[in-house]
């Protein structure tokens, strides 16, 4: 073969080799299991809500969604793991009010929900319930406040960790009721409720789904809910707002986020699957039984919501001087 013919024959091969790697067909998303990190132990309200949705999303997307519980530091351990994961759609984070509160601490080494994540959607909201151990022998919020004022600093309240909604619920309650209580943090609601049942702590603001079964078994006494409106699963419980603590709202909301720089097409696929799951009668039945309200948002709506929550809790933390874990 002549030299000119040889050069011409080699042009197609050289051109193919020079093509950028992104031009090569990529496998359709998802082509592997997707991990969902939850910053609280199994059995908590967030865990229950996320597992139900993740199972449905897996069925719709053709790949299993594996829930990975990594409790600790008010969900910040799990948050950091996702924030530093590859932005390829195969690692998702179950964000909650705790993460916004963590980021609100001025010296906290916390993940920034708005900078380190890309929003997918909110999935649910559950009110906290103020419950006390029967040994306190109080049956109303007024009696609890009176007892706390009679014995300043003698009552201890459990939480699922510093900076979580149950923690800030207790701090807000103490501030608005003008009482002093001792905070005892745990790694999640489940161990906190265990000690509450055993009488090691006297009260707690816990997600409804976690404590209402114990209330019905007469092992705990429910005094009120922390949401602006009464919960349908226990409509007899007054809100703290109704009982005089105006504007009290510390409900536990939860949603799904992906690492920053995750492709928009992947985010859209995850959101579509999540919304379809939330519309299913199966999820709605599970949520109703767990006192969880279904929430669905666009990425813009979730971003605005996170900004509002961040501003709200930053002001409260500055006012109270609460320190991070």
Protein backbone atom coordinates (compact mmCIF):
# COMPACT_ATOMS: atom_id res chain seq x y z
CA UNK A 1 0.00 0.00 0.00
CA UNK A 2 1.32 3.43 -0.93
CA UNK A 3 2.14 5.92 1.85
CA UNK A 4 -0.72 8.29 0.81
CA UNK A 5 -3.28 5.43 0.86
CA UNK A 6 -2.00 4.28 4.25
CA UNK A 7 -2.47 7.74 5.73
CA UNK A 8 -6.01 8.04 4.35
CA UNK A 9 -6.95 4.63 5.75
CA UNK A 10 -5.73 5.64 9.20
CA UNK A 11 -7.82 8.86 9.44
CA UNK A 12 -11.11 7.22 10.63
CA UNK A 13 -9.33 5.29 13.35
CA UNK A 14 -7.47 8.36 14.57
CA UNK A 15 -10.67 10.41 14.57
CA UNK A 16 -12.48 7.80 16.64
CA UNK A 17 -9.66 7.72 19.15
CA UNK A 18 -9.80 11.53 19.46
CA UNK A 19 -13.50 11.60 20.37
CA UNK A 20 -14.17 12.70 23.96
CA UNK A 21 -15.06 9.95 26.42
CA UNK A 22 -18.55 11.38 26.96
CA UNK A 23 -19.53 10.52 23.43
CA UNK A 24 -19.39 6.82 24.29
CA UNK A 25 -22.85 5.53 25.16
CA UNK A 26 -23.41 5.38 28.91
CA UNK A 27 -25.68 2.82 30.56
CA UNK A 28 -29.16 4.11 31.27
CA UNK A 29 -29.70 5.41 34.83
CA UNK A 30 -30.03 3.59 37.11
CA UNK A 31 -27.90 0.59 36.20
CA UNK A 32 -26.95 -0.38 39.78
CA UNK A 33 -28.46 -0.33 43.28
CA UNK A 34 -28.99 3.08 44.89
CA UNK A 35 -27.99 3.67 48.50
CA UNK A 36 -30.11 5.93 50.74
CA UNK A 37 -28.35 7.13 53.89
CA UNK A 38 -30.48 7.84 56.97
CA UNK A 39 -28.88 9.65 59.89
CA UNK A 40 -31.03 7.95 62.53
CA UNK A 41 -31.48 4.36 63.73
CA UNK A 42 -34.02 1.89 62.31
CA UNK A 43 -37.55 2.34 63.60
CA UNK A 44 -37.44 6.12 63.85
CA UNK A 45 -40.02 8.24 62.00
CA UNK A 46 -37.51 9.25 59.33
CA UNK A 47 -36.39 5.66 58.84
CA UNK A 48 -39.96 4.38 58.48
CA UNK A 49 -40.93 7.12 56.01
CA UNK A 50 -37.80 6.75 53.90
CA UNK A 51 -37.90 2.93 53.77
CA UNK A 52 -41.48 2.96 52.51
CA UNK A 53 -40.71 5.45 49.74
CA UNK A 54 -37.37 3.88 48.84
CA UNK A 55 -38.99 0.47 48.36
CA UNK A 56 -41.56 1.94 45.99
CA UNK A 57 -38.94 3.95 44.11
CA UNK A 58 -36.88 0.81 43.60
CA UNK A 59 -39.83 -0.98 42.05
CA UNK A 60 -40.43 1.91 39.68
CA UNK A 61 -36.81 2.45 38.67
CA UNK A 62 -35.87 -1.20 38.30
CA UNK A 63 -33.02 -1.17 40.84
CA UNK A 64 -33.07 -1.82 44.60
CA UNK A 65 -32.85 1.17 46.94
CA UNK A 66 -30.74 0.11 49.94
CA UNK A 67 -31.36 2.05 53.16
CA UNK A 68 -28.14 2.55 55.14
CA UNK A 69 -28.63 3.79 58.73
CA UNK A 70 -25.69 5.85 60.02
CA UNK A 71 -26.82 7.56 63.24
CA UNK A 72 -24.83 10.12 65.17
CA UNK A 73 -24.09 13.85 65.45
CA UNK A 74 -27.69 14.77 64.78
CA UNK A 75 -27.56 13.11 61.34
CA UNK A 76 -24.38 14.97 60.37
CA UNK A 77 -22.32 11.77 59.96
CA UNK A 78 -24.64 10.49 57.25
CA UNK A 79 -24.91 13.94 55.70
CA UNK A 80 -21.14 14.24 55.28
CA UNK A 81 -20.91 10.78 53.74
CA UNK A 82 -23.41 11.74 51.05
CA UNK A 83 -22.02 15.24 50.50
CA UNK A 84 -18.63 13.74 49.64
CA UNK A 85 -20.00 10.83 47.58
CA UNK A 86 -19.72 10.79 43.77
CA UNK A 87 -22.51 12.93 42.24
CA UNK A 88 -23.77 10.11 40.06
CA UNK A 89 -27.22 9.45 41.55
CA UNK A 90 -26.25 6.26 43.36
CA UNK A 91 -26.04 7.84 46.82
CA UNK A 92 -29.04 9.73 48.22
CA UNK A 93 -29.52 11.44 51.58
CA UNK A 94 -32.61 11.52 53.80
CA UNK A 95 -32.51 15.13 54.96
CA UNK A 96 -34.52 16.28 58.00
CA UNK A 97 -35.04 19.38 60.09
CA UNK A 98 -31.98 18.25 62.09
CA UNK A 99 -29.62 19.03 59.21
CA UNK A 100 -30.90 22.57 58.83
CA UNK A 101 -30.52 23.08 62.57
CA UNK A 102 -26.97 21.66 62.48
CA UNK A 103 -26.00 24.12 59.76
CA UNK A 104 -27.50 26.98 61.80
CA UNK A 105 -24.89 26.63 64.55
CA UNK A 106 -22.29 29.39 63.94
CA UNK A 107 -19.26 27.17 64.74
CA UNK A 108 -20.63 23.81 63.68
CA UNK A 109 -18.73 21.58 61.28
CA UNK A 110 -21.98 20.70 59.55
CA UNK A 111 -22.99 20.08 55.98
CA UNK A 112 -24.69 23.04 54.31
CA UNK A 113 -27.97 21.70 52.87
CA UNK A 114 -28.12 24.42 50.21
CA UNK A 115 -24.49 24.27 49.05
CA UNK A 116 -23.53 20.62 49.51
CA UNK A 117 -26.71 18.99 48.23
CA UNK A 118 -29.07 19.15 45.29
CA UNK A 119 -32.77 18.98 46.24
CA UNK A 120 -34.96 16.12 45.07
CA UNK A 121 -38.18 16.47 47.07
CA UNK A 122 -39.74 16.58 50.52
CA UNK A 123 -41.53 13.33 51.32
CA UNK A 124 -43.28 13.79 54.65
CA UNK A 125 -43.90 15.61 57.90
CA UNK A 126 -44.71 14.22 61.35
CA UNK A 127 -45.48 16.18 64.54
CA UNK A 128 -43.55 15.72 67.73
CA UNK A 129 -45.59 14.68 70.76
CA UNK A 130 -44.80 15.88 74.26
CA UNK A 131 -44.82 12.73 76.40
CA UNK A 132 -43.96 12.20 80.06
CA UNK A 133 -43.24 9.18 82.22
CA UNK A 134 -46.25 8.18 84.36
CA UNK A 135 -44.17 8.57 87.52
CA UNK A 136 -44.35 12.35 87.12
CA UNK A 137 -48.09 12.13 87.80
CA UNK A 138 -48.96 15.04 85.52
CA UNK A 139 -51.81 14.96 83.03
CA UNK A 140 -51.56 18.36 81.37
CA UNK A 141 -49.04 20.84 80.03
CA UNK A 142 -50.04 23.30 82.75
CA UNK A 143 -49.26 20.73 85.46
CA UNK A 144 -45.89 19.94 83.84
CA UNK A 145 -44.92 23.61 83.74
CA UNK A 146 -46.01 24.07 87.35
CA UNK A 147 -43.89 21.09 88.43
CA UNK A 148 -40.87 22.37 86.50
CA UNK A 149 -41.19 25.80 88.11
CA UNK A 150 -41.53 24.27 91.57
CA UNK A 151 -38.36 22.21 91.04
CA UNK A 152 -36.08 24.15 88.64
CA UNK A 153 -33.57 21.95 86.82
CA UNK A 154 -34.91 18.71 88.30
CA UNK A 155 -36.64 17.49 85.14
CA UNK A 156 -34.65 15.92 82.31
CA UNK A 157 -35.81 15.63 78.71
CA UNK A 158 -34.44 13.19 76.18
CA UNK A 159 -33.76 13.88 72.50
CA UNK A 160 -32.45 12.07 69.47
CA UNK A 161 -29.30 14.21 69.53
CA UNK A 162 -28.04 17.76 69.87
CA UNK A 163 -29.59 19.97 67.22
CA UNK A 164 -32.43 17.60 66.35
CA UNK A 165 -36.06 18.61 66.32
CA UNK A 166 -36.80 16.87 69.66
CA UNK A 167 -33.90 18.77 71.22
CA UNK A 168 -34.97 22.17 69.90
CA UNK A 169 -38.55 21.34 70.87
CA UNK A 170 -37.45 21.00 74.48
CA UNK A 171 -35.35 24.16 74.36
CA UNK A 172 -38.17 26.15 72.76
CA UNK A 173 -40.67 24.79 75.28
CA UNK A 174 -38.41 25.74 78.21
CA UNK A 175 -37.87 29.22 76.79
CA UNK A 176 -41.55 29.90 76.10
CA UNK A 177 -42.74 28.39 79.40
CA UNK A 178 -39.93 30.11 81.35
CA UNK A 179 -38.67 26.91 83.00
CA UNK A 180 -35.33 25.11 83.37
CA UNK A 181 -34.80 21.48 82.30
CA UNK A 182 -31.76 19.24 81.72
CA UNK A 183 -31.19 18.00 78.17
CA UNK A 184 -30.05 14.37 77.71
CA UNK A 185 -29.10 13.62 74.06
CA UNK A 186 -29.13 10.13 72.49
CA UNK A 187 -28.19 8.71 69.10
CA UNK A 188 -31.73 8.60 67.77
CA UNK A 189 -35.29 8.52 69.09
CA UNK A 190 -35.36 4.78 69.73
CA UNK A 191 -32.70 4.66 72.49
CA UNK A 192 -34.09 7.91 73.91
CA UNK A 193 -37.58 6.44 74.18
CA UNK A 194 -36.14 3.27 75.73
CA UNK A 195 -34.66 5.28 78.59
CA UNK A 196 -37.85 7.33 78.88
CA UNK A 197 -39.86 4.12 79.28
CA UNK A 198 -37.41 3.02 81.96
CA UNK A 199 -37.74 6.28 83.86
CA UNK A 200 -34.10 7.36 83.38
CA UNK A 201 -35.46 10.61 81.89
CA UNK A 202 -38.82 12.21 82.64
CA UNK A 203 -40.08 13.60 79.35
CA UNK A 204 -39.46 13.92 75.64
CA UNK A 205 -40.67 15.60 72.48
CA UNK A 206 -40.73 12.62 70.13
CA UNK A 207 -42.13 11.94 66.66
CA UNK A 208 -45.71 10.72 66.99
CA UNK A 209 -45.04 7.44 65.21
CA UNK A 210 -42.36 6.53 67.77
CA UNK A 211 -44.27 7.15 71.01
CA UNK A 212 -48.00 6.85 70.34
CA UNK A 213 -47.93 3.02 70.60
CA UNK A 214 -46.47 3.41 74.12
CA UNK A 215 -49.11 6.00 74.97
CA UNK A 216 -51.85 3.60 73.93
CA UNK A 217 -50.25 0.90 76.07
CA UNK A 218 -50.37 3.31 79.06
CA UNK A 219 -46.59 3.28 79.36
CA UNK A 220 -46.31 6.99 78.58
CA UNK A 221 -48.62 9.99 78.97
CA UNK A 222 -49.14 12.28 75.96
CA UNK A 223 -49.77 15.95 76.76
CA UNK A 224 -49.73 17.81 73.43
CA UNK A 225 -48.42 17.93 69.85
CA UNK A 226 -45.89 20.44 68.55
CA UNK A 227 -47.44 21.02 65.12
CA UNK A 228 -49.59 24.06 64.23
CA UNK A 229 -52.58 21.75 63.72
CA UNK A 230 -53.75 18.64 65.55
CA UNK A 231 -52.72 15.31 64.11
CA UNK A 232 -55.38 13.07 62.58
CA UNK A 233 -53.97 9.98 64.31
CA UNK A 234 -54.54 11.52 67.76
CA UNK A 235 -57.01 14.39 67.30
CA UNK A 236 -57.73 14.56 71.00
CA UNK A 237 -54.26 16.00 71.67
CA UNK A 238 -54.15 19.78 71.80
CA UNK A 239 -51.38 21.71 70.09
CA UNK A 240 -48.99 23.68 72.27
CA UNK A 241 -50.15 26.73 70.37
CA UNK A 242 -53.71 26.07 71.55
CA UNK A 243 -52.45 25.69 75.10
CA UNK A 244 -50.89 29.14 75.18
CA UNK A 245 -47.44 28.74 73.62
CA UNK A 246 -48.33 30.76 70.54
CA UNK A 247 -46.54 29.92 67.32
CA UNK A 248 -44.96 26.73 68.64
CA UNK A 249 -44.03 24.49 65.69
CA UNK A 250 -41.27 21.88 65.68
CA UNK A 251 -42.65 19.19 63.40
CA UNK A 252 -40.19 16.70 61.91
CA UNK A 253 -40.06 17.03 58.13
CA UNK A 254 -37.98 14.80 55.89
CA UNK A 255 -36.93 14.75 52.26
CA UNK A 256 -34.45 13.39 49.74
CA UNK A 257 -31.28 15.12 48.52
CA UNK A 258 -28.37 14.17 46.28
CA UNK A 259 -24.75 15.38 46.27
CA UNK A 260 -24.17 18.74 44.62
CA UNK A 261 -23.37 18.50 40.89
CA UNK A 262 -25.59 15.47 40.42
CA UNK A 263 -26.96 15.75 36.85
CA UNK A 264 -30.38 17.38 36.51
CA UNK A 265 -31.65 14.41 34.52
CA UNK A 266 -30.83 12.08 37.41
CA UNK A 267 -32.50 14.40 39.92
CA UNK A 268 -35.59 14.53 37.72
CA UNK A 269 -35.75 10.74 37.49
CA UNK A 270 -35.47 10.37 41.26
CA UNK A 271 -38.11 13.05 41.88
CA UNK A 272 -40.54 11.48 39.42
CA UNK A 273 -40.17 8.08 41.10
CA UNK A 274 -40.53 9.58 44.59
CA UNK A 275 -43.68 11.51 43.69
CA UNK A 276 -45.22 8.46 42.06
CA UNK A 277 -44.46 6.48 45.21
CA UNK A 278 -46.02 9.15 47.42
CA UNK A 279 -49.17 9.10 45.28
CA UNK A 280 -49.59 5.35 45.76
CA UNK A 281 -52.30 4.05 48.07
CA UNK A 282 -49.72 1.78 49.72
CA UNK A 283 -47.52 4.69 50.85
CA UNK A 284 -50.48 6.76 51.92
CA UNK A 285 -51.75 3.92 54.10
CA UNK A 286 -48.34 3.44 55.71
CA UNK A 287 -47.98 7.16 56.32
CA UNK A 288 -51.44 7.49 57.82
CA UNK A 289 -50.76 4.67 60.25
CA UNK A 290 -47.51 6.39 61.28
CA UNK A 291 -49.03 9.90 61.63
CA UNK A 292 -46.94 11.14 58.70
CA UNK A 293 -48.35 13.74 56.31
CA UNK A 294 -47.37 13.31 52.65
CA UNK A 295 -45.35 16.21 51.22
CA UNK A 296 -44.16 16.70 47.64
CA UNK A 297 -42.06 19.56 46.29
CA UNK A 298 -40.17 20.70 43.24
CA UNK A 299 -36.47 21.50 43.53
CA UNK A 300 -37.21 25.25 43.71
CA UNK A 301 -39.86 24.76 46.38
CA UNK A 302 -37.55 22.64 48.49
CA UNK A 303 -34.73 25.19 48.16
CA UNK A 304 -37.00 28.01 49.35
CA UNK A 305 -38.24 25.85 52.21
CA UNK A 306 -34.70 25.06 53.35
CA UNK A 307 -33.75 28.75 53.23
CA UNK A 308 -36.74 29.66 55.40
CA UNK A 309 -36.02 26.93 57.94
CA UNK A 310 -32.36 27.90 58.06
CA UNK A 311 -33.20 31.53 58.83
CA UNK A 312 -35.73 30.55 61.48
CA UNK A 313 -33.45 28.23 63.43
CA UNK A 314 -30.37 30.43 63.08
CA UNK A 315 -32.23 33.21 64.89
CA UNK A 316 -33.37 30.84 67.64
CA UNK A 317 -29.90 29.40 68.20
CA UNK A 318 -28.39 32.89 68.38
CA UNK A 319 -31.03 33.90 70.93
CA UNK A 320 -30.52 30.85 73.15
CA UNK A 321 -26.76 30.35 72.78
CA UNK A 322 -27.15 26.58 72.28
CA UNK A 323 -23.82 24.92 71.44
CA UNK A 324 -23.32 22.08 68.89
CA UNK A 325 -22.34 18.57 69.92
